[in-house]
Structure formats: C-alpha cells, structure tokens
C-alpha atoms as a PDB file:
ATOM      1  CA  MET A   1      -0.147  -0.326   0.440  1.00  0.00           C
ATOM      2  CA  TYR A   2       3.114   2.132   0.631  1.00  0.00           C
ATOM      3  CA  GLN A   3       4.579   1.517  -2.265  1.00  0.00           C
ATOM      4  CA  ASN A   4       1.591   2.354  -4.093  1.00  0.00           C
ATOM      5  CA  ALA A   5       0.645   5.716  -2.280  1.00  0.00           C
ATOM      6  CA  MET A   6       4.158   6.977  -2.873  1.00  0.00           C
ATOM      7  CA  ARG A   7       5.289   5.677  -6.425  1.00  0.00           C
ATOM      8  CA  ASP A   8       3.644   9.247  -8.386  1.00  0.00           C
ATOM      9  CA  GLN A   9       5.596  11.169  -5.596  1.00  0.00           C
ATOM     10  CA  PHE A  10       8.805   9.473  -5.960  1.00  0.00           C
ATOM     11  CA  LYS A  11       8.316   9.242  -9.847  1.00  0.00           C
ATOM     12  CA  ALA A  12       7.904  13.120  -9.489  1.00  0.00           C
ATOM     13  CA  GLN A  13      11.107  13.374  -7.520  1.00  0.00           C
ATOM     14  CA  ASN A  14      13.036  11.191  -9.822  1.00  0.00           C
ATOM     15  CA  PRO A  15      11.644  11.361 -13.307  1.00  0.00           C
ATOM     16  CA  GLY A  16      14.534   8.957 -14.805  1.00  0.00           C
ATOM     17  CA  MET A  17      14.109   5.971 -12.646  1.00  0.00           C
ATOM     18  CA  THR A  18      12.813   2.383 -14.159  1.00  0.00           C
ATOM     19  CA  PHE A  19      10.209   0.850 -12.483  1.00  0.00           C
ATOM     20  CA  GLY A  20      12.510  -1.782 -10.350  1.00  0.00           C
ATOM     21  CA  GLN A  21      14.783   1.227  -9.516  1.00  0.00           C
ATOM     22  CA  LEU A  22      11.671   3.028  -8.363  1.00  0.00           C
ATOM     23  CA  SER A  23      10.713   0.136  -6.758  1.00  0.00           C
ATOM     24  CA  LYS A  24      14.461  -0.325  -4.893  1.00  0.00           C
ATOM     25  CA  TYR A  25      14.240   2.932  -3.914  1.00  0.00           C
ATOM     26  CA  THR A  26      10.586   2.926  -2.671  1.00  0.00           C
ATOM     27  CA  SER A  27      11.586  -0.023  -0.326  1.00  0.00           C
ATOM     28  CA  ALA A  28      14.464   1.510   0.890  1.00  0.00           C
ATOM     29  CA  MET A  29      12.390   4.482   1.899  1.00  0.00           C
ATOM     30  CA  TYR A  30      10.215   2.307   3.985  1.00  0.00           C
ATOM     31  CA  ALA A  31      12.578   0.266   5.573  1.00  0.00           C
ATOM     32  CA  GLU A  32      14.154   3.611   6.690  1.00  0.00           C
ATOM     33  CA  MET A  33      10.756   4.905   8.364  1.00  0.00           C
ATOM     34  CA  THR A  34      10.435   4.736  11.832  1.00  0.00           C
ATOM     35  CA  PRO A  35       8.058   1.511  14.102  1.00  0.00           C
ATOM     36  CA  ASP A  36       5.012   4.389  14.282  1.00  0.00           C
ATOM     37  CA  GLU A  37       4.886   5.456  10.802  1.00  0.00           C
ATOM     38  CA  LYS A  38       5.380   2.045   9.618  1.00  0.00           C
ATOM     39  CA  GLN A  39       2.123   1.060  12.182  1.00  0.00           C
ATOM     40  CA  ALA A  40       0.336   3.559  10.163  1.00  0.00           C
ATOM     41  CA  TRP A  41       0.847   2.292   7.065  1.00  0.00           C
ATOM     42  CA  ASN A  42      -0.283  -1.411   8.484  1.00  0.00           C
ATOM     43  CA  ALA A  43      -2.952  -0.045   9.741  1.00  0.00           C
ATOM     44  CA  ARG A  44      -4.284   1.393   6.296  1.00  0.00           C
ATOM     45  CA  ALA A  45      -3.273  -2.203   4.807  1.00  0.00           C
ATOM     46  CA  GLU A  46      -5.331  -3.697   7.602  1.00  0.00           C
ATOM     47  CA  ALA A  47      -8.793  -1.525   6.897  1.00  0.00           C
ATOM     48  CA  ASP A  48      -7.999  -2.096   3.410  1.00  0.00           C
ATOM     49  CA  LYS A  49      -8.099  -5.874   3.519  1.00  0.00           C
ATOM     50  CA  ALA A  50     -10.897  -5.516   5.733  1.00  0.00           C
ATOM     51  CA  ARG A  51     -13.191  -3.457   3.191  1.00  0.00           C
ATOM     52  CA  TYR A  52     -12.219  -5.780   0.862  1.00  0.00           C
ATOM     53  CA  LEU A  53     -13.576  -8.825   2.792  1.00  0.00           C
ATOM     54  CA  HIS A  54     -16.512  -6.924   3.658  1.00  0.00           C
ATOM     55  CA  GLU A  55     -17.152  -6.372  -0.030  1.00  0.00           C
ATOM     56  CA  LEU A  56     -16.853  -9.578  -0.943  1.00  0.00           C
ATOM     57  CA  ALA A  57     -18.722 -11.147   1.593  1.00  0.00           C
ATOM     58  CA  THR A  58     -21.422  -8.753   0.520  1.00  0.00           C
ATOM     59  CA  TYR A  59     -21.238  -9.007  -3.030  1.00  0.00           C
ATOM     60  CA  VAL A  60     -23.548 -10.555  -5.259  1.00  0.00           C
ATOM     61  CA  PRO A  61     -22.245 -11.201  -8.668  1.00  0.00           C
ATOM     62  CA  PRO A  62     -24.963 -11.045 -11.687  1.00  0.00           C
ATOM     63  CA  PRO A  63     -25.877 -14.180 -13.666  1.00  0.00           C
ATOM     64  CA  GLY A  64     -22.849 -15.342 -15.553  1.00  0.00           C
ATOM     65  CA  PHE A  65     -20.197 -14.947 -12.819  1.00  0.00           C
ATOM     66  CA  ASP A  66     -18.626 -16.068 -10.016  1.00  0.00           C
ATOM     67  CA  SER A  67     -18.585 -15.196  -6.549  1.00  0.00           C
ATOM     68  CA  LYS A  68     -15.246 -13.265  -7.528  1.00  0.00           C
ATOM     69  CA  GLY A  69     -16.556 -11.437 -10.343  1.00  0.00           C
ATOM     70  CA  ASP A  70     -14.902 -13.599 -13.101  1.00  0.00           C
ATOM     71  CA  VAL A  71     -16.942 -14.959 -16.036  1.00  0.00           C
ATOM     72  CA  ILE A  72     -18.146 -18.112 -15.563  1.00  0.00           C
ATOM     73  CA  VAL A  73     -17.778 -19.426 -19.343  1.00  0.00           C
ATOM     74  CA  PRO A  74     -14.520 -18.541 -20.781  1.00  0.00           C
ATOM     75  CA  PRO A  75     -14.644 -17.417 -24.322  1.00  0.00           C
ATOM     76  CA  PRO A  76     -13.773 -19.876 -26.923  1.00  0.00           C
ATOM     77  CA  ALA A  77     -10.070 -21.066 -27.289  1.00  0.00           C
ATOM     78  CA  VAL A  78      -7.635 -19.324 -29.935  1.00  0.00           C
ATOM     79  CA  PHE A  79      -5.484 -21.726 -32.003  1.00  0.00           C
ATOM     80  CA  GLY A  80      -2.057 -21.103 -33.322  1.00  0.00           C
ATOM     81  CA  ARG A  81       0.117 -18.037 -32.375  1.00  0.00           C
ATOM     82  CA  GLY A  82      -1.101 -14.965 -30.194  1.00  0.00           C
ATOM     83  CA  LYS A  83      -2.134 -13.901 -27.202  1.00  0.00           C
ATOM     84  CA  ARG A  84      -5.237 -15.419 -25.241  1.00  0.00           C
ATOM     85  CA  PRO A  85      -8.323 -13.626 -25.220  1.00  0.00           C
ATOM     86  CA  LYS A  86      -8.597 -11.562 -21.522  1.00  0.00           C
ATOM     87  CA  LEU A  87     -11.716 -12.576 -19.453  1.00  0.00           C
ATOM     88  CA  ASP A  88     -14.214 -10.360 -18.313  1.00  0.00           C
ATOM     89  CA  ARG A  89     -14.737  -9.281 -15.191  1.00  0.00           C
ATOM     90  CA  ASP A  90     -17.769  -7.853 -13.395  1.00  0.00           C
ATOM     91  CA  ALA A  91     -16.898  -4.225 -13.314  1.00  0.00           C
ATOM     92  CA  ASN A  92     -18.864  -4.127  -9.690  1.00  0.00           C
ATOM     93  CA  ALA A  93     -16.756  -6.752  -8.432  1.00  0.00           C
ATOM     94  CA  PRO A  94     -15.143  -5.898  -5.277  1.00  0.00           C
ATOM     95  CA  LYS A  95     -11.065  -4.698  -6.100  1.00  0.00           C
ATOM     96  CA  SER A  96      -8.083  -5.711  -4.342  1.00  0.00           C
ATOM     97  CA  ASN A  97      -5.765  -2.933  -3.237  1.00  0.00           C
ATOM     98  CA  GLY A  98      -2.685  -6.027  -4.120  1.00  0.00           C
ATOM     99  CA  PRO A  99       0.334  -6.378  -1.573  1.00  0.00           C
ATOM    100  CA  THR A 100       0.948  -4.329   0.787  1.00  0.00           C
ATOM    101  CA  LEU A 101       4.922  -3.449   0.236  1.00  0.00           C
ATOM    102  CA  LEU A 102       6.990  -5.582  -2.182  1.00  0.00           C
ATOM    103  CA  ILE A 103      10.560  -5.255  -0.514  1.00  0.00           C
ATOM    104  CA  TYR A 104      13.649  -5.896  -2.243  1.00  0.00           C
ATOM    105  CA  ARG A 105      16.711  -7.050  -0.760  1.00  0.00           C
END
C-alpha cells in the first residue's frame, strides 16, 4: 500500500528512474521509516483488507459471473500463435488493493 501511495510522488522527484529502480527506492524509504510510521501504514493495509473482505462477503454477482466477479463460461479457445483473450470481469466486483509492500533485498 505504501508503494502504491508513494509511487507518483517518488516518480515526480526522480523522473529518470525505471520501475525496478523506483521499487527498490520505495522499499528503501519504507525500511528507513520509524516503527510508528510503519504501524500507521500497516493499519491502513489492515483496514483496506477488512474493506475488501466485507465487500467480497456482501457481493452478489450477476448471472454468468462467479463469486469473485470472473466470467463463468470462458470465451472459446484461440488456436495458433498469439495472445489468449482476456477474460471478462464484472465491473462491480470488489477490488483488492494488492500487496501491501514489495520488499527487495
């Protein structure tokens, strides 16, 4: 969550950084935080996790979608070379924020 929240700010301060460099920089900044600051970010992550689990528990999918919002009947297979088509997802399905922090060492 910290990395997602701070990415734009750090990218503005360091416009020439690649995504990998930016991730390492963000992880280093998180590592330098005081325990109180880290606790605040962990509390935000826990609150977001609780929000997601509540939304997931109360989510009622429309016909043709499973409990997580994925389409039940996948599109027909595409033969030959090329990319597989992306499966549809219900636009109203609960969204997860993703990992709270990526740590590179």
